[in-house]
Amino acid sequence: MAFQVASFLPKLGNGDAHACYWRCPERRQVHVSCPHPGASRLTMRMKADRSALDEEADVIVIGSGLSGLVCAAMVSKFSADKSVVVLEAHTELGGCLHEYKRGKFTFESGPSLYAGLASEKIQSANPLQIILQKLGIASKIKWVKYDRWGAFMPNGVSFAEKLGAEAFENVVLPRVLGEHYAGDDGVASISKEQAVRQGVEEWRRLMKFLEPVGRASREMPMTALRSDLLAVPLLISKYPKEMIQTLTYATMLQKPLGQVLDELGIRTPFLRNWLDLLCFLLQGRPARETPLSCVSFMIAEWFQTPTAQLDYPVGGSASIANALVQCIQENGGRVHARSRVSRVLWQGSRCVGVEYVSGSDPTKPRLLRAGCAVVSNADTWTTRSLLSDDAPRPLRAYFDELVENFEPLPSFIHLHAAIDSDGLPAEPSADFPAQWAVVDEWGPIECDSGVEAKRNVVIVSVSSLLDPNLAPPGHHVLHAYTPATEPYADWASLDTGSDAYKKKKAEAGEFLWKAVSRCIPDARSRCKLELIGTPLTHARFLNRYHGTYGAKTSPLAGMLPWSKLPGCTGFFLCSDSAFPGIGIPACAAAGAMTANSILSWHEYRRAHS
């Protein structure tokens, strides 16, 4: 029996294909012909049995990054009857949270700086902590708590003081401003005492202004939002005062932090540069392009919480992904690695499934039917590539506009290394922090300096200082990387097997080793294993368009898309390309908001009761 796509997809969309398929007792050949990007027609021969169509699912999530796993876990946990399947192209789950091993050494692919996650009660503003608590899996992740982070600034300034307002006001600012108090023109126009007093006063002014904003974000989290008006009754009943407070600050929350600093009269160069760095580490943008709503969380956790601290998950970042995957599976969901989606299937404006290939048979495309929703956990550009000509025209036009308006941020270079730890501290301290940042120059990007400049900022993490089990005795593992400042174009034309590529990798490695040597001067001679990652590596293993960190947003580009997309039914975007954007807290919130939008009203209420 043969079907053409025109007759098959309508049945796939309304369930008729599934019904007639299972009622047929005999095995037979089904021929499906359908459009596919890069080819005029794709013909698939599939046996009409359960393994051929792979089982249907109510909700299909494309990608197992943090947003996708959060969305899948929440739907699995709080839905009474929705089945969930996650399809991941890579061999490892977790997106940038995944780890990889070389011998006895465990390396992290992505983030290593966490805050507001080790609290036993729901009191943090970090959306991920709130989600882990709601899912009942917070206790499955063990955390190491520590309270300092190192920084090597231009002009020889360095510190690794404890987090919190007291240390920043009483130690960091007096030291930095007391030694380097010159104005923007390099001329010391005020005394050291005046520089310190002005800096402290400006910092306190900013903290006082941000205090109610941070309180509002903690008390009415973004994780309770959804993409329709059904959220309003719950928000009004559960967060009446907080809603009023949030609406009061709604206009202010959308302003870039840089504009807020201007309005508050924050002029001290070090404070402006420091806040640029914090914004850049969180969302890949300086303060002038980072909305206040996105950065208020980090400032609250680092400088306004009485017991400010950093957290590190025992077992590395992969333990977060593993806990979410386990939650999905325990609630009846399925997570498949080596399953690359090639396109999204449509019937009119309704999303009805996906086409994918499995690692068990990469030559055989399969169809997976979606009874309720398909969620793309991919970036904007990758998601657009999944929308072939049968996708709704308004949706394709919308994504074309996103691609035009939002420039992809640059990529990364990574150094993963195992070193001999003989004579090095076994625990972090002020002299030997577990993590540090190195900034070569301050200044505007127009002058080819500042936090956005190529290879100007490097982050280093010695994760085995926090979890010794990541390396065998007598060794440390470290990860040094540039945070989204490496242009993909510099690498795009290189063959990964060529001498030119190997030479360029070696040069990148030497640059990163210099940042490591700020705390470990003889690190290079201690090296037992060295692995260099490039934008090409990042693109390949994280399935990121040009290895990008995400969409470069700005006030001129407009707001990132909400999880629910226009011009279609049953298709959602849930990644750092969706609101609220880049970073662990933002991605966790995006996953929760998408799940809320898929859950029924009663399921949504149960999730947030």
Protein backbone atom coordinates (compact mmCIF):
# COMPACT_ATOMS: atom_id res chain seq x y z
CA MET A 1 0.00 0.00 0.00
CA ALA A 2 1.52 3.35 -1.00
CA PHE A 3 0.95 6.82 0.33
CA GLN A 4 2.01 10.19 -0.94
CA VAL A 5 2.84 12.83 1.63
CA ALA A 6 -0.28 14.82 0.69
CA SER A 7 -2.53 12.00 1.90
CA PHE A 8 -0.30 10.58 4.63
CA LEU A 9 0.43 13.74 6.64
CA PRO A 10 -3.21 14.69 7.24
CA LYS A 11 -3.72 11.31 8.87
CA LEU A 12 -0.44 11.66 10.72
CA GLY A 13 -1.64 15.00 12.09
CA ASN A 14 -5.08 13.91 13.33
CA GLY A 15 -4.23 10.39 14.44
CA ASP A 16 -5.93 8.50 11.58
CA ALA A 17 -2.64 7.17 10.24
CA HIS A 18 -1.79 5.73 13.63
CA ALA A 19 -5.22 4.11 13.97
CA CYS A 20 -5.33 2.53 10.52
CA TYR A 21 -1.73 1.46 10.86
CA TRP A 22 -2.23 -0.61 13.99
CA ARG A 23 -5.46 -2.20 12.89
CA CYS A 24 -3.82 -3.74 9.88
CA PRO A 25 -2.69 -7.25 10.86
CA GLU A 26 -0.39 -8.02 7.98
CA ARG A 27 3.13 -6.67 7.43
CA ARG A 28 3.38 -4.65 4.26
CA GLN A 29 5.57 -2.07 2.56
CA VAL A 30 4.69 1.60 2.93
CA HIS A 31 6.25 4.10 0.54
CA VAL A 32 6.37 7.68 1.73
CA SER A 33 7.52 10.46 -0.55
CA CYS A 34 8.18 13.84 1.07
CA PRO A 35 10.12 17.04 0.48
CA HIS A 36 13.48 17.40 2.19
CA PRO A 37 15.99 20.26 2.39
CA GLY A 38 18.68 19.89 -0.23
CA ALA A 39 16.78 17.37 -2.31
CA SER A 40 13.68 17.60 -4.46
CA ARG A 41 12.09 14.43 -3.08
CA LEU A 42 13.11 11.82 -0.56
CA THR A 43 11.66 8.35 -0.88
CA MET A 44 11.63 6.12 2.18
CA ARG A 45 10.73 2.45 2.28
CA MET A 46 9.47 1.45 5.70
CA LYS A 47 7.96 -1.77 6.97
CA ALA A 48 4.54 -1.21 8.48
CA ASP A 49 5.40 -2.40 11.96
CA ARG A 50 6.02 -0.70 15.30
CA SER A 51 9.76 -0.20 14.75
CA ALA A 52 9.23 1.42 11.35
CA LEU A 53 7.34 4.50 12.52
CA ASP A 54 9.15 4.39 15.87
CA GLU A 55 6.49 4.96 18.52
CA GLU A 56 4.49 8.13 18.60
CA ALA A 57 4.88 10.68 21.38
CA ASP A 58 2.69 13.50 22.57
CA VAL A 59 5.67 15.82 23.00
CA ILE A 60 8.91 15.59 21.00
CA VAL A 61 11.92 17.63 22.13
CA ILE A 62 14.68 18.19 19.57
CA GLY A 63 17.96 18.36 21.50
CA SER A 64 18.99 17.55 25.06
CA GLY A 65 20.49 20.86 26.14
CA LEU A 66 19.46 22.31 29.48
CA SER A 67 16.31 24.02 28.17
CA GLY A 68 15.17 20.88 26.39
CA LEU A 69 15.76 18.61 29.38
CA VAL A 70 14.00 21.01 31.75
CA CYS A 71 11.00 21.21 29.41
CA ALA A 72 10.84 17.42 28.98
CA ALA A 73 11.25 16.78 32.71
CA MET A 74 8.49 19.18 33.68
CA VAL A 75 6.02 17.84 31.12
CA SER A 76 6.85 14.25 32.15
CA LYS A 77 6.50 15.08 35.83
CA PHE A 78 3.35 17.17 35.86
CA SER A 79 1.34 15.88 32.90
CA ALA A 80 -1.12 13.13 33.65
CA ASP A 81 -1.05 11.56 30.20
CA LYS A 82 1.46 13.20 27.86
CA SER A 83 4.29 10.96 26.65
CA VAL A 84 7.64 12.62 26.01
CA VAL A 85 10.57 11.74 23.74
CA VAL A 86 13.86 13.65 23.56
CA LEU A 87 15.99 13.20 20.42
CA GLU A 88 19.66 14.15 20.74
CA ALA A 89 22.02 14.17 17.75
CA HIS A 90 25.20 13.75 19.82
CA THR A 91 26.39 10.56 21.50
CA GLU A 92 26.29 12.35 24.87
CA LEU A 93 23.31 14.01 26.52
CA GLY A 94 23.19 17.43 28.10
CA GLY A 95 24.38 19.85 25.43
CA CYS A 96 27.08 22.05 26.96
CA LEU A 97 26.50 20.28 30.29
CA HIS A 98 27.91 17.02 28.99
CA GLU A 99 31.29 15.68 30.02
CA TYR A 100 33.81 13.47 28.31
CA LYS A 101 36.56 11.21 29.58
CA ARG A 102 40.11 10.54 28.52
CA GLY A 103 41.46 7.67 30.52
CA LYS A 104 40.88 8.48 34.19
CA PHE A 105 40.38 12.20 33.54
CA THR A 106 36.92 13.78 33.33
CA PHE A 107 36.51 17.06 31.45
CA GLU A 108 33.58 19.44 31.25
CA SER A 109 32.42 20.82 27.93
CA GLY A 110 30.81 23.99 29.16
CA PRO A 111 29.94 26.04 32.23
CA SER A 112 31.63 25.68 35.58
CA LEU A 113 30.44 28.78 37.43
CA TYR A 114 27.17 28.31 39.35
CA ALA A 115 25.42 30.24 42.11
CA GLY A 116 22.16 29.97 44.02
CA LEU A 117 21.79 26.22 43.57
CA ALA A 118 22.86 24.63 46.85
CA SER A 119 20.09 26.16 48.98
CA GLU A 120 17.93 23.60 50.74
CA LYS A 121 14.77 25.68 50.37
CA ILE A 122 13.28 27.55 47.40
CA GLN A 123 14.74 30.95 48.21
CA SER A 124 17.19 31.57 45.40
CA ALA A 125 16.41 33.70 42.37
CA ASN A 126 18.11 31.10 40.14
CA PRO A 127 15.41 29.51 37.95
CA LEU A 128 17.34 26.23 37.78
CA GLN A 129 17.29 25.84 41.56
CA ILE A 130 13.54 26.50 41.63
CA ILE A 131 12.98 23.91 38.89
CA LEU A 132 15.10 21.23 40.57
CA GLN A 133 13.09 21.75 43.75
CA LYS A 134 9.76 21.52 41.93
CA LEU A 135 10.82 18.34 40.16
CA GLY A 136 11.87 16.81 43.47
CA ILE A 137 15.38 16.07 42.26
CA ALA A 138 17.40 18.79 44.01
CA SER A 139 18.65 16.30 46.58
CA LYS A 140 20.04 14.06 43.84
CA ILE A 141 22.69 16.64 43.03
CA LYS A 142 25.37 17.17 45.64
CA TRP A 143 27.04 20.56 45.74
CA VAL A 144 30.41 21.82 46.87
CA LYS A 145 30.12 25.33 48.31
CA TYR A 146 32.93 27.86 48.03
CA ASP A 147 33.04 31.61 48.43
CA ARG A 148 35.68 33.19 46.20
CA TRP A 149 36.52 33.69 42.55
CA GLY A 150 39.81 35.03 41.22
CA ALA A 151 40.32 37.91 38.81
CA PHE A 152 43.42 39.17 36.98
CA MET A 153 42.65 42.62 35.66
CA PRO A 154 44.62 45.05 33.46
CA ASN A 155 47.42 47.12 35.05
CA GLY A 156 48.42 44.30 37.36
CA VAL A 157 45.25 44.35 39.47
CA SER A 158 44.32 40.94 40.89
CA PHE A 159 42.18 39.63 43.73
CA ALA A 160 40.41 36.49 44.93
CA GLU A 161 38.32 37.81 47.78
CA LYS A 162 35.15 36.35 49.17
CA LEU A 163 31.87 37.13 47.47
CA GLY A 164 29.44 39.52 49.08
CA ALA A 165 28.96 43.25 49.57
CA GLU A 166 31.22 43.47 52.60
CA ALA A 167 34.34 42.08 50.90
CA PHE A 168 33.68 44.01 47.68
CA GLU A 169 33.17 47.34 49.44
CA ASN A 170 35.81 46.96 52.14
CA VAL A 171 38.56 45.06 50.32
CA VAL A 172 38.21 44.96 46.53
CA LEU A 173 37.16 48.56 45.84
CA PRO A 174 39.71 50.15 48.22
CA ARG A 175 42.48 48.02 46.75
CA VAL A 176 41.63 48.56 43.10
CA LEU A 177 40.63 52.21 43.32
CA GLY A 178 43.36 53.03 45.80
CA GLU A 179 46.05 51.74 43.43
CA HIS A 180 44.47 52.68 40.08
CA TYR A 181 42.30 55.73 40.56
CA ALA A 182 43.04 57.60 37.34
CA GLY A 183 40.25 58.96 35.22
CA ASP A 184 39.42 57.84 31.67
CA ASP A 185 42.16 60.11 30.32
CA GLY A 186 44.79 58.42 32.47
CA VAL A 187 45.28 61.51 34.65
CA ALA A 188 44.65 61.19 38.36
CA SER A 189 42.25 64.11 38.78
CA ILE A 190 41.18 63.13 42.31
CA SER A 191 42.96 61.75 45.35
CA LYS A 192 43.04 58.07 46.23
CA GLU A 193 40.71 58.67 49.14
CA GLN A 194 38.24 60.51 46.92
CA ALA A 195 38.40 57.73 44.30
CA VAL A 196 37.64 55.04 46.87
CA ARG A 197 34.85 57.08 48.49
CA GLN A 198 33.24 57.84 45.13
CA GLY A 199 33.43 54.20 44.00
CA VAL A 200 31.90 52.88 47.22
CA GLU A 201 29.13 55.47 47.15
CA GLU A 202 28.28 54.65 43.55
CA TRP A 203 28.28 50.92 44.27
CA ARG A 204 25.96 51.36 47.24
CA ARG A 205 23.66 53.53 45.13
CA LEU A 206 23.42 50.77 42.52
CA MET A 207 22.82 48.05 45.13
CA LYS A 208 20.06 50.11 46.76
CA PHE A 209 18.38 50.60 43.39
CA LEU A 210 18.65 46.90 42.46
CA GLU A 211 17.50 45.51 45.80
CA PRO A 212 13.72 45.61 45.06
CA VAL A 213 14.36 44.30 41.55
CA GLY A 214 16.22 41.29 42.92
CA ARG A 215 13.53 40.72 45.54
CA ALA A 216 10.80 40.77 42.91
CA SER A 217 12.67 38.25 40.74
CA ARG A 218 13.07 35.91 43.71
CA GLU A 219 9.48 36.13 44.87
CA MET A 220 7.77 35.80 41.47
CA PRO A 221 10.09 33.70 39.31
CA MET A 222 10.04 33.53 35.52
CA THR A 223 9.55 29.77 35.87
CA ALA A 224 5.84 30.42 36.58
CA LEU A 225 5.18 32.14 33.24
CA ARG A 226 3.57 30.64 30.15
CA SER A 227 2.76 31.93 26.68
CA ASP A 228 -0.98 32.53 27.08
CA LEU A 229 -3.40 34.34 29.36
CA LEU A 230 -4.05 31.21 31.44
CA ALA A 231 -1.02 32.22 33.49
CA VAL A 232 -2.76 35.34 34.77
CA PRO A 233 -5.23 33.72 37.26
CA LEU A 234 -2.46 31.69 38.87
CA LEU A 235 -0.05 34.61 39.07
CA ILE A 236 -2.70 36.87 40.57
CA SER A 237 -3.75 34.27 43.15
CA LYS A 238 -0.24 33.22 44.15
CA TYR A 239 1.81 36.37 43.62
CA PRO A 240 -0.56 39.36 43.97
CA LYS A 241 1.88 41.75 45.66
CA GLU A 242 4.80 40.53 43.60
CA MET A 243 2.86 41.09 40.36
CA ILE A 244 2.20 44.68 41.31
CA GLN A 245 5.86 45.14 42.18
CA THR A 246 7.00 43.51 38.93
CA LEU A 247 4.60 45.62 36.85
CA THR A 248 5.93 48.67 38.65
CA TYR A 249 9.43 47.82 37.44
CA ALA A 250 8.38 46.37 34.06
CA THR A 251 9.71 49.26 31.99
CA MET A 252 12.91 49.46 34.00
CA LEU A 253 13.55 45.70 33.73
CA GLN A 254 13.70 45.97 29.94
CA LYS A 255 16.35 48.68 30.01
CA PRO A 256 19.97 47.72 29.34
CA LEU A 257 22.06 47.78 32.51
CA GLY A 258 24.40 50.27 30.83
CA GLN A 259 21.54 52.74 30.48
CA VAL A 260 20.61 52.23 34.14
CA LEU A 261 24.21 52.95 35.14
CA ASP A 262 24.11 56.18 33.15
CA GLU A 263 20.86 57.25 34.79
CA LEU A 264 22.22 56.48 38.26
CA GLY A 265 25.40 58.42 37.59
CA ILE A 266 27.74 55.42 37.94
CA ARG A 267 30.96 56.85 36.44
CA THR A 268 33.80 55.01 38.17
CA PRO A 269 35.63 53.23 35.30
CA PHE A 270 36.39 50.08 37.31
CA LEU A 271 32.71 49.60 38.27
CA ARG A 272 31.59 50.03 34.67
CA ASN A 273 34.25 47.59 33.45
CA TRP A 274 33.52 45.08 36.22
CA LEU A 275 29.81 45.07 35.44
CA ASP A 276 30.62 44.72 31.73
CA LEU A 277 32.58 41.59 32.58
CA LEU A 278 29.82 40.09 34.75
CA CYS A 279 27.23 40.72 32.04
CA PHE A 280 29.49 39.24 29.38
CA LEU A 281 30.15 36.09 31.38
CA LEU A 282 26.43 35.63 31.98
CA GLN A 283 24.97 36.41 28.55
CA GLY A 284 27.79 37.14 26.13
CA ARG A 285 27.02 40.86 25.97
CA PRO A 286 28.38 43.94 27.74
CA ALA A 287 26.24 46.01 30.09
CA ARG A 288 25.02 48.31 27.32
CA GLU A 289 23.28 45.33 25.66
CA THR A 290 22.21 43.27 28.69
CA PRO A 291 18.67 43.84 30.00
CA LEU A 292 18.47 44.57 33.70
CA SER A 293 16.09 41.63 34.12
CA CYS A 294 18.81 39.20 33.02
CA VAL A 295 21.66 40.43 35.21
CA SER A 296 19.79 41.32 38.42
CA PHE A 297 19.90 37.64 39.44
CA MET A 298 23.69 37.40 39.35
CA ILE A 299 24.16 40.66 41.21
CA ALA A 300 21.65 39.56 43.84
CA GLU A 301 23.37 36.21 44.36
CA TRP A 302 26.92 37.59 44.40
CA PHE A 303 26.51 40.87 46.23
CA GLN A 304 23.13 41.08 47.99
CA THR A 305 22.69 37.64 49.54
CA PRO A 306 23.96 37.60 53.16
CA THR A 307 25.70 34.24 52.67
CA ALA A 308 26.93 34.78 49.11
CA GLN A 309 28.65 31.72 47.70
CA LEU A 310 29.37 29.77 44.54
CA ASP A 311 28.27 26.18 43.99
CA TYR A 312 29.82 23.32 42.08
CA PRO A 313 27.99 20.05 41.33
CA VAL A 314 29.79 16.93 42.51
CA GLY A 315 30.56 14.91 39.39
CA GLY A 316 30.68 18.04 37.27
CA SER A 317 27.98 19.76 35.22
CA ALA A 318 26.90 16.43 33.76
CA SER A 319 25.32 15.55 37.11
CA ILE A 320 22.67 18.22 36.44
CA ALA A 321 21.87 16.73 33.03
CA ASN A 322 21.87 13.21 34.49
CA ALA A 323 19.37 14.17 37.19
CA LEU A 324 17.03 15.69 34.61
CA VAL A 325 17.33 12.68 32.30
CA GLN A 326 16.60 10.35 35.21
CA CYS A 327 13.54 12.43 36.10
CA ILE A 328 12.27 12.16 32.52
CA GLN A 329 12.75 8.40 32.46
CA GLU A 330 11.24 7.81 35.91
CA ASN A 331 8.10 9.61 34.75
CA GLY A 332 7.73 7.52 31.59
CA GLY A 333 9.66 9.67 29.12
CA ARG A 334 12.39 8.50 26.78
CA VAL A 335 15.69 10.10 25.85
CA HIS A 336 17.56 8.93 22.74
CA ALA A 337 21.13 9.88 21.81
CA ARG A 338 22.51 9.55 18.27
CA SER A 339 19.11 10.60 16.87
CA ARG A 340 19.50 13.57 14.54
CA VAL A 341 16.35 15.37 13.42
CA SER A 342 16.48 16.42 9.77
CA ARG A 343 13.19 18.28 9.47
CA VAL A 344 9.91 19.10 11.17
CA LEU A 345 6.70 17.71 9.66
CA TRP A 346 3.58 19.76 9.08
CA GLN A 347 -0.06 19.47 8.12
CA GLY A 348 -1.10 22.96 7.17
CA SER A 349 -0.16 25.17 10.11
CA ARG A 350 -0.11 22.29 12.59
CA CYS A 351 3.17 20.63 13.56
CA VAL A 352 2.65 16.87 13.45
CA GLY A 353 6.06 15.29 13.99
CA VAL A 354 9.68 15.05 12.92
CA GLU A 355 11.87 13.13 10.54
CA TYR A 356 15.12 11.84 12.01
CA VAL A 357 17.89 9.31 11.56
CA SER A 358 19.11 7.02 14.30
CA GLY A 359 22.71 6.08 14.96
CA SER A 360 21.70 2.43 14.77
CA ASP A 361 20.86 2.95 11.08
CA PRO A 362 21.88 6.43 9.83
CA THR A 363 20.89 5.58 6.25
CA LYS A 364 17.23 5.03 7.13
CA PRO A 365 15.12 8.16 7.83
CA ARG A 366 12.31 7.64 10.30
CA LEU A 367 9.13 9.51 11.15
CA LEU A 368 8.07 10.21 14.72
CA ARG A 369 4.52 11.47 15.17
CA ALA A 370 3.75 14.24 17.69
CA GLY A 371 0.32 14.14 19.24
CA CYS A 372 0.64 17.49 21.01
CA ALA A 373 3.83 19.47 20.41
CA VAL A 374 7.32 19.57 18.94
CA VAL A 375 9.88 21.63 20.85
CA SER A 376 13.12 22.78 19.23
CA ASN A 377 15.98 23.02 21.72
CA ALA A 378 18.26 24.09 18.85
CA ASP A 379 19.53 27.60 18.11
CA THR A 380 17.70 29.96 15.74
CA TRP A 381 19.75 29.10 12.66
CA THR A 382 19.63 25.34 13.17
CA THR A 383 15.90 25.50 13.82
CA ARG A 384 15.40 27.44 10.59
CA SER A 385 17.22 24.69 8.69
CA LEU A 386 14.62 22.20 9.98
CA LEU A 387 11.77 24.18 8.39
CA SER A 388 11.41 22.97 4.83
CA ASP A 389 8.98 24.35 2.24
CA ASP A 390 6.00 22.57 3.79
CA ALA A 391 6.35 24.58 6.99
CA PRO A 392 3.84 27.43 7.37
CA ARG A 393 4.91 30.44 5.34
CA PRO A 394 4.40 32.93 8.22
CA LEU A 395 6.64 30.81 10.45
CA ARG A 396 9.39 30.61 7.83
CA ALA A 397 9.14 34.36 7.29
CA TYR A 398 9.37 34.91 11.04
CA PHE A 399 12.55 32.83 11.31
CA ASP A 400 14.02 34.57 8.26
CA GLU A 401 13.47 37.85 10.10
CA LEU A 402 15.13 36.45 13.24
CA VAL A 403 18.13 35.32 11.24
CA GLU A 404 18.39 38.79 9.70
CA ASN A 405 17.96 40.71 12.97
CA PHE A 406 19.99 38.60 15.37
CA GLU A 407 23.66 38.16 14.63
CA PRO A 408 25.23 34.95 15.98
CA LEU A 409 27.72 35.62 18.75
CA PRO A 410 31.28 34.39 18.18
CA SER A 411 32.45 30.97 19.28
CA PHE A 412 35.06 29.56 21.68
CA ILE A 413 38.48 28.07 21.91
CA HIS A 414 38.97 25.54 24.70
CA LEU A 415 41.92 24.05 26.49
CA HIS A 416 41.25 20.88 28.46
CA ALA A 417 44.36 19.64 30.25
CA ALA A 418 45.48 17.19 32.89
CA ILE A 419 48.46 18.34 34.94
CA ASP A 420 50.69 16.97 37.66
CA SER A 421 49.43 18.39 40.99
CA ASP A 422 52.58 17.65 42.98
CA GLY A 423 53.22 20.63 45.26
CA LEU A 424 49.95 22.38 44.32
CA PRO A 425 47.16 23.00 46.84
CA ALA A 426 44.46 20.36 47.16
CA GLU A 427 41.79 22.91 48.11
CA PRO A 428 40.92 26.38 46.77
CA SER A 429 42.11 29.48 48.60
CA ALA A 430 42.78 33.19 48.07
CA ASP A 431 46.23 32.32 46.70
CA PHE A 432 44.96 29.45 44.57
CA PRO A 433 41.28 29.89 43.61
CA ALA A 434 39.40 27.12 41.83
CA GLN A 435 38.37 29.55 39.09
CA TRP A 436 39.67 32.84 37.78
CA ALA A 437 39.20 35.29 34.94
CA VAL A 438 41.98 37.02 33.03
CA VAL A 439 41.23 40.35 31.29
CA ASP A 440 43.99 41.90 29.19
CA GLU A 441 42.42 45.31 28.47
CA TRP A 442 39.45 47.47 29.39
CA GLY A 443 37.90 49.73 26.84
CA PRO A 444 35.24 50.01 24.14
CA ILE A 445 34.99 47.39 21.43
CA GLU A 446 35.45 50.16 18.83
CA CYS A 447 39.05 50.41 20.03
CA ASP A 448 39.55 46.65 19.63
CA SER A 449 39.61 46.21 23.41
CA GLY A 450 37.11 45.52 26.16
CA VAL A 451 35.34 42.33 27.14
CA GLU A 452 34.06 41.63 23.61
CA ALA A 453 37.44 41.83 21.91
CA LYS A 454 38.96 38.68 20.46
CA ARG A 455 40.92 36.69 23.05
CA ASN A 456 40.77 39.51 25.57
CA VAL A 457 39.05 37.49 28.31
CA VAL A 458 39.87 33.95 29.41
CA ILE A 459 38.09 31.90 32.07
CA VAL A 460 40.00 29.13 33.86
CA SER A 461 38.50 26.43 36.06
CA VAL A 462 40.44 23.78 38.00
CA SER A 463 37.41 21.62 38.72
CA SER A 464 39.36 18.88 40.51
CA LEU A 465 40.02 21.40 43.31
CA LEU A 466 36.29 21.23 43.98
CA ASP A 467 35.69 17.57 43.14
CA PRO A 468 38.88 15.47 43.43
CA ASN A 469 37.14 12.49 41.80
CA LEU A 470 37.42 14.18 38.40
CA ALA A 471 41.13 13.34 38.27
CA PRO A 472 43.24 10.48 39.63
CA PRO A 473 45.44 11.11 42.71
CA GLY A 474 48.40 13.36 42.02
CA HIS A 475 46.67 15.23 39.18
CA HIS A 476 44.36 18.12 38.42
CA VAL A 477 42.08 18.69 35.44
CA LEU A 478 41.57 22.20 34.16
CA HIS A 479 39.48 23.95 31.55
CA ALA A 480 40.46 27.32 30.05
CA TYR A 481 38.34 29.02 27.39
CA THR A 482 37.52 32.29 25.69
CA PRO A 483 33.89 33.23 26.44
CA ALA A 484 32.38 33.73 22.99
CA THR A 485 35.05 35.95 21.44
CA GLU A 486 36.57 33.64 18.81
CA PRO A 487 35.32 34.37 15.25
CA TYR A 488 34.11 31.30 13.40
CA ALA A 489 35.26 32.87 10.13
CA ASP A 490 38.88 32.58 11.25
CA TRP A 491 38.55 28.79 11.21
CA ALA A 492 35.79 28.04 8.71
CA SER A 493 38.01 27.44 5.67
CA LEU A 494 40.44 25.12 7.45
CA ASP A 495 40.50 21.36 6.97
CA THR A 496 40.62 19.78 10.44
CA GLY A 497 43.26 17.37 9.23
CA SER A 498 45.52 19.99 7.70
CA ASP A 499 48.84 21.27 9.03
CA ALA A 500 47.43 24.82 8.98
CA TYR A 501 44.62 23.78 11.32
CA LYS A 502 47.00 22.01 13.68
CA LYS A 503 49.28 25.02 13.74
CA LYS A 504 46.41 27.37 14.51
CA LYS A 505 45.25 25.06 17.30
CA ALA A 506 48.72 25.06 18.81
CA GLU A 507 48.83 28.86 18.77
CA ALA A 508 45.45 29.00 20.48
CA GLY A 509 46.68 26.55 23.09
CA GLU A 510 49.71 28.68 23.93
CA PHE A 511 47.48 31.72 24.40
CA LEU A 512 45.24 29.82 26.84
CA TRP A 513 48.21 28.38 28.72
CA LYS A 514 49.32 31.96 29.46
CA ALA A 515 46.05 32.56 31.27
CA VAL A 516 46.48 29.33 33.24
CA SER A 517 50.01 30.37 34.24
CA ARG A 518 48.69 33.41 36.10
CA CYS A 519 47.95 31.04 38.99
CA ILE A 520 50.12 28.06 38.00
CA PRO A 521 53.36 29.48 36.53
CA ASP A 522 54.81 26.09 35.60
CA ALA A 523 51.51 24.62 34.35
CA ARG A 524 52.84 23.93 30.85
CA SER A 525 55.67 21.76 32.15
CA ARG A 526 53.22 19.87 34.38
CA CYS A 527 50.98 18.91 31.45
CA LYS A 528 50.21 15.21 31.00
CA LEU A 529 47.35 15.57 28.53
CA GLU A 530 46.32 18.49 26.32
CA LEU A 531 43.16 18.82 24.22
CA ILE A 532 42.40 21.96 22.21
CA GLY A 533 38.86 22.73 21.03
CA THR A 534 38.09 25.27 18.29
CA PRO A 535 34.93 26.83 16.85
CA LEU A 536 34.78 23.84 14.50
CA THR A 537 34.86 21.50 17.50
CA HIS A 538 32.16 23.53 19.19
CA ALA A 539 29.95 23.44 16.11
CA ARG A 540 30.39 19.72 15.63
CA PHE A 541 29.95 18.33 19.13
CA LEU A 542 27.37 20.80 20.42
CA ASN A 543 25.50 21.00 17.11
CA ARG A 544 25.70 24.80 17.14
CA TYR A 545 25.49 26.96 14.03
CA HIS A 546 29.05 28.22 13.48
CA GLY A 547 29.81 27.15 17.03
CA THR A 548 27.98 30.23 18.27
CA TYR A 549 27.26 31.03 21.91
CA GLY A 550 23.81 32.21 20.86
CA ALA A 551 21.95 35.20 19.46
CA LYS A 552 23.52 38.61 19.95
CA THR A 553 20.60 40.64 21.19
CA SER A 554 20.43 44.40 21.62
CA PRO A 555 17.76 47.03 22.12
CA LEU A 556 17.78 47.64 18.37
CA ALA A 557 17.35 43.96 17.49
CA GLY A 558 14.24 43.65 19.62
CA MET A 559 13.13 40.94 22.01
CA LEU A 560 14.00 37.30 21.55
CA PRO A 561 11.10 35.08 20.46
CA TRP A 562 8.81 33.67 23.11
CA SER A 563 8.56 29.88 23.35
CA LYS A 564 5.25 29.80 21.45
CA LEU A 565 5.89 30.71 17.83
CA PRO A 566 3.62 32.66 15.45
CA GLY A 567 1.87 31.30 12.40
CA CYS A 568 1.63 27.71 13.62
CA THR A 569 0.18 25.33 16.18
CA GLY A 570 2.13 22.86 18.28
CA PHE A 571 5.66 24.13 17.61
CA PHE A 572 7.84 25.76 20.28
CA LEU A 573 11.34 27.19 20.53
CA CYS A 574 13.08 26.40 23.80
CA SER A 575 16.76 27.34 23.89
CA ASP A 576 19.15 30.23 24.41
CA SER A 577 17.68 31.63 21.17
CA ALA A 578 14.34 32.13 22.94
CA PHE A 579 13.39 34.52 25.73
CA PRO A 580 15.02 35.20 28.18
CA GLY A 581 18.27 34.27 26.35
CA ILE A 582 21.76 32.99 27.09
CA GLY A 583 23.11 31.51 30.31
CA ILE A 584 22.22 28.71 32.71
CA PRO A 585 19.50 30.65 34.59
CA ALA A 586 17.92 31.95 31.37
CA CYS A 587 17.96 28.56 29.62
CA ALA A 588 16.40 26.86 32.64
CA ALA A 589 13.65 29.50 32.68
CA ALA A 590 13.02 29.05 28.95
CA GLY A 591 12.55 25.31 29.45
CA ALA A 592 10.08 25.86 32.29
CA MET A 593 8.07 28.48 30.39
CA THR A 594 7.78 26.18 27.38
CA ALA A 595 6.65 23.26 29.56
CA ASN A 596 4.08 25.52 31.23
CA SER A 597 2.72 26.44 27.79
CA ILE A 598 2.33 22.77 26.83
CA LEU A 599 0.76 21.63 30.10
CA SER A 600 -3.00 21.90 30.51
CA TRP A 601 -4.35 24.52 32.91
CA HIS A 602 -4.85 21.95 35.68
CA GLU A 603 -1.38 20.45 35.13
CA TYR A 604 0.12 23.93 35.14
CA ARG A 605 -1.60 24.75 38.43
CA ARG A 606 -0.35 21.51 39.96
CA ALA A 607 3.20 22.28 38.86
CA HIS A 608 3.13 25.66 40.59
CA SER A 609 0.93 24.96 43.58
